[in-house]
C-alpha atoms as a PDB file:
ATOM      1  CA  MET A   1       1.344 -18.922  12.239  1.00  0.00           C
ATOM      2  CA  ALA A   2       3.077 -21.987  14.231  1.00  0.00           C
ATOM      3  CA  SER A   3       3.834 -20.062  17.001  1.00  0.00           C
ATOM      4  CA  TYR A   4      -0.445 -19.240  17.381  1.00  0.00           C
ATOM      5  CA  VAL A   5      -0.762 -22.789  16.846  1.00  0.00           C
ATOM      6  CA  ASN A   6       1.879 -24.336  19.408  1.00  0.00           C
ATOM      7  CA  SER A   7       1.198 -21.028  21.668  1.00  0.00           C
ATOM      8  CA  THR A   8       4.907 -20.557  21.642  1.00  0.00           C
ATOM      9  CA  GLY A   9       6.665 -16.993  21.742  1.00  0.00           C
ATOM     10  CA  GLY A  10       5.923 -13.988  23.485  1.00  0.00           C
ATOM     11  CA  GLN A  11       2.794 -11.742  23.245  1.00  0.00           C
ATOM     12  CA  GLY A  12       3.789  -8.232  24.438  1.00  0.00           C
ATOM     13  CA  PHE A  13       1.625  -5.622  25.514  1.00  0.00           C
ATOM     14  CA  ASN A  14      -1.477  -4.474  23.384  1.00  0.00           C
ATOM     15  CA  PRO A  15      -2.866  -1.030  24.203  1.00  0.00           C
ATOM     16  CA  GLY A  16      -6.119  -1.602  22.523  1.00  0.00           C
ATOM     17  CA  ARG A  17      -6.384  -5.467  23.100  1.00  0.00           C
ATOM     18  CA  TYR A  18      -5.933  -4.146  27.101  1.00  0.00           C
ATOM     19  CA  ALA A  19      -8.330  -0.807  26.173  1.00  0.00           C
ATOM     20  CA  ALA A  20     -11.112  -3.862  24.742  1.00  0.00           C
ATOM     21  CA  GLU A  21     -10.935  -5.924  27.688  1.00  0.00           C
ATOM     22  CA  ILE A  22     -11.173  -2.882  30.400  1.00  0.00           C
ATOM     23  CA  VAL A  23     -14.625  -2.185  28.353  1.00  0.00           C
ATOM     24  CA  SER A  24     -15.875  -5.914  28.649  1.00  0.00           C
ATOM     25  CA  PRO A  25     -13.626  -8.122  30.039  1.00  0.00           C
ATOM     26  CA  GLN A  26     -15.469 -11.284  28.814  1.00  0.00           C
ATOM     27  CA  TYR A  27     -15.926 -10.244  25.276  1.00  0.00           C
ATOM     28  CA  GLY A  28     -13.651  -7.603  24.900  1.00  0.00           C
ATOM     29  CA  ALA A  29     -10.407  -9.649  23.639  1.00  0.00           C
ATOM     30  CA  LEU A  30     -13.059 -11.996  21.247  1.00  0.00           C
ATOM     31  CA  ILE A  31     -14.074  -8.038  19.950  1.00  0.00           C
ATOM     32  CA  TYR A  32     -10.861  -6.855  19.464  1.00  0.00           C
ATOM     33  CA  SER A  33      -9.512  -9.909  16.955  1.00  0.00           C
ATOM     34  CA  GLY A  34     -12.209  -9.656  14.982  1.00  0.00           C
ATOM     35  CA  ALA A  35     -11.875  -6.212  14.458  1.00  0.00           C
ATOM     36  CA  ASP A  36      -8.214  -7.319  13.604  1.00  0.00           C
ATOM     37  CA  ILE A  37      -8.994  -9.719  11.233  1.00  0.00           C
ATOM     38  CA  ALA A  38     -11.620  -7.263   9.033  1.00  0.00           C
ATOM     39  CA  THR A  39      -9.247  -4.822   9.248  1.00  0.00           C
ATOM     40  CA  SER A  40      -6.925  -7.039   7.284  1.00  0.00           C
ATOM     41  CA  LEU A  41      -9.269  -7.961   5.008  1.00  0.00           C
ATOM     42  CA  LEU A  42      -9.998  -4.596   3.944  1.00  0.00           C
ATOM     43  CA  GLY A  43      -6.303  -3.568   3.852  1.00  0.00           C
ATOM     44  CA  ALA A  44      -6.105  -6.257   1.275  1.00  0.00           C
ATOM     45  CA  THR A  45      -8.723  -4.663  -0.930  1.00  0.00           C
ATOM     46  CA  VAL A  46      -7.223  -0.822  -0.738  1.00  0.00           C
ATOM     47  CA  ARG A  47      -5.876   0.360  -3.380  1.00  0.00           C
ATOM     48  CA  VAL A  48      -2.256   1.598  -3.778  1.00  0.00           C
ATOM     49  CA  PRO A  49       0.297   3.035  -6.378  1.00  0.00           C
ATOM     50  CA  LEU A  50       1.604  -0.373  -7.998  1.00  0.00           C
ATOM     51  CA  ALA A  51       4.945  -1.151  -6.889  1.00  0.00           C
ATOM     52  CA  MET A  52       8.047  -1.242  -9.159  1.00  0.00           C
ATOM     53  CA  GLY A  53      11.062  -2.845  -9.421  1.00  0.00           C
ATOM     54  CA  VAL A  54      14.740  -2.311 -10.673  1.00  0.00           C
ATOM     55  CA  LYS A  55      13.958  -4.858 -13.070  1.00  0.00           C
ATOM     56  CA  ASP A  56      10.880  -2.914 -14.927  1.00  0.00           C
ATOM     57  CA  GLY A  57      13.315  -0.152 -16.300  1.00  0.00           C
ATOM     58  CA  LEU A  58      12.289   2.585 -13.990  1.00  0.00           C
ATOM     59  CA  GLY A  59      13.958   2.097 -10.551  1.00  0.00           C
ATOM     60  CA  ARG A  60      10.809   3.758  -8.441  1.00  0.00           C
ATOM     61  CA  PRO A  61       9.307   2.861  -5.884  1.00  0.00           C
ATOM     62  CA  ASN A  62       6.003   3.635  -7.556  1.00  0.00           C
ATOM     63  CA  SER A  63       4.015   3.992 -10.491  1.00  0.00           C
ATOM     64  CA  ILE A  64       4.941   6.984 -12.525  1.00  0.00           C
ATOM     65  CA  PHE A  65       1.837   6.755 -14.682  1.00  0.00           C
ATOM     66  CA  GLY A  66      -0.869   7.012 -11.574  1.00  0.00           C
ATOM     67  CA  VAL A  67      -1.308   2.742 -11.759  1.00  0.00           C
ATOM     68  CA  MET A  68      -3.530   1.790  -8.717  1.00  0.00           C
ATOM     69  CA  GLU A  69      -3.630  -1.836  -7.923  1.00  0.00           C
ATOM     70  CA  ARG A  70      -5.405  -4.032  -4.913  1.00  0.00           C
ATOM     71  CA  GLN A  71      -2.994  -4.391  -1.772  1.00  0.00           C
ATOM     72  CA  LEU A  72      -3.578  -8.074  -2.452  1.00  0.00           C
ATOM     73  CA  ASP A  73      -2.450  -7.928  -6.452  1.00  0.00           C
ATOM     74  CA  ASN A  74       0.677  -5.447  -6.125  1.00  0.00           C
ATOM     75  CA  PRO A  75       4.202  -7.191  -6.038  1.00  0.00           C
ATOM     76  CA  THR A  76       5.974  -7.628  -3.027  1.00  0.00           C
ATOM     77  CA  LEU A  77       9.590  -5.707  -3.557  1.00  0.00           C
ATOM     78  CA  VAL A  78      12.790  -6.700  -1.471  1.00  0.00           C
ATOM     79  CA  PRO A  79      13.267  -3.196   0.671  1.00  0.00           C
ATOM     80  CA  ILE A  80      16.665  -2.778  -0.029  1.00  0.00           C
ATOM     81  CA  ILE A  81      17.310  -3.653  -3.171  1.00  0.00           C
ATOM     82  CA  GLY A  82      13.755  -3.412  -5.021  1.00  0.00           C
ATOM     83  CA  SER A  83      13.467  -6.455  -6.764  1.00  0.00           C
ATOM     84  CA  LYS A  84       9.793  -8.099  -6.853  1.00  0.00           C
ATOM     85  CA  LEU A  85       9.642 -11.212  -5.058  1.00  0.00           C
ATOM     86  CA  PRO A  86       8.332 -14.062  -6.803  1.00  0.00           C
ATOM     87  CA  ALA A  87       4.718 -14.621  -7.854  1.00  0.00           C
ATOM     88  CA  TYR A  88       1.905 -15.075  -5.000  1.00  0.00           C
ATOM     89  CA  THR A  89       4.752 -13.746  -2.189  1.00  0.00           C
ATOM     90  CA  THR A  90       1.657 -11.044  -1.439  1.00  0.00           C
ATOM     91  CA  GLU A  91      -1.145 -13.274  -1.199  1.00  0.00           C
ATOM     92  CA  GLY A  92       1.373 -16.345   0.811  1.00  0.00           C
ATOM     93  CA  ILE A  93       1.750 -13.253   3.814  1.00  0.00           C
ATOM     94  CA  PHE A  94      -1.786 -11.871   3.202  1.00  0.00           C
ATOM     95  CA  LEU A  95      -3.009 -15.918   3.785  1.00  0.00           C
ATOM     96  CA  LEU A  96      -0.131 -16.179   7.169  1.00  0.00           C
ATOM     97  CA  ASP A  97      -1.076 -12.694   8.644  1.00  0.00           C
ATOM     98  CA  ALA A  98      -4.816 -13.823   7.802  1.00  0.00           C
ATOM     99  CA  GLY A  99      -4.919 -17.763   8.727  1.00  0.00           C
ATOM    100  CA  GLY A 100      -3.100 -16.261  12.550  1.00  0.00           C
ATOM    101  CA  LYS A 101      -5.129 -13.939  13.428  1.00  0.00           C
ATOM    102  CA  THR A 102      -7.892 -16.244  13.020  1.00  0.00           C
ATOM    103  CA  ILE A 103      -6.605 -19.328  14.936  1.00  0.00           C
ATOM    104  CA  ASP A 104      -5.996 -16.419  17.282  1.00  0.00           C
ATOM    105  CA  PHE A 105     -10.021 -15.390  17.557  1.00  0.00           C
ATOM    106  CA  TYR A 106     -11.001 -19.721  17.658  1.00  0.00           C
ATOM    107  CA  LYS A 107      -8.589 -19.122  21.015  1.00  0.00           C
ATOM    108  CA  ARG A 108      -9.820 -15.650  22.204  1.00  0.00           C
ATOM    109  CA  TYR A 109     -13.743 -17.572  21.376  1.00  0.00           C
ATOM    110  CA  GLY A 110     -13.156 -20.517  23.229  1.00  0.00           C
ATOM    111  CA  GLU A 111     -12.052 -18.683  26.417  1.00  0.00           C
ATOM    112  CA  SER A 112     -14.974 -16.137  26.145  1.00  0.00           C
ATOM    113  CA  SER A 113     -17.404 -19.338  25.708  1.00  0.00           C
ATOM    114  CA  ASN A 114     -15.273 -20.875  29.064  1.00  0.00           C
ATOM    115  CA  GLU A 115     -15.638 -18.257  31.248  1.00  0.00           C
ATOM    116  CA  LYS A 116     -20.036 -18.163  31.190  1.00  0.00           C
END
C-alpha cells in the first residue's frame, strides 16, 4: 500500500488494463480499476472449504467434513509448514489489497478527470 501512496515501484504490464485503455482511452483504466475492486470484494465472500492447519490434528489442507466458509473468514495458512497465521491476518491482507486498489482507483479518477 505504501508503494501506491508514494508512487514508487514498477507497475509492470497489465494486458487487461491495456485492453480497457484501447477500448476507452479516457475511462478505460478507471473502469478496469473499478472492476478490480469489485472482484476483490466479491472474492472475499466466495465460500471455500475450511482450511485446517497441522495443529488441528488432521494435517489436511481442507476440511474433510465439507465445511464451507467465506474466504474472508477462512484462516490463512503458512504454505510450507501448514500452520495457521494469527487471528485477523486474512482480514488484514484483504484490507491492504482493497485499500491499495482503492487508492489506484482514486488516482485513475484524477487522471481521467484531468483529461477532459
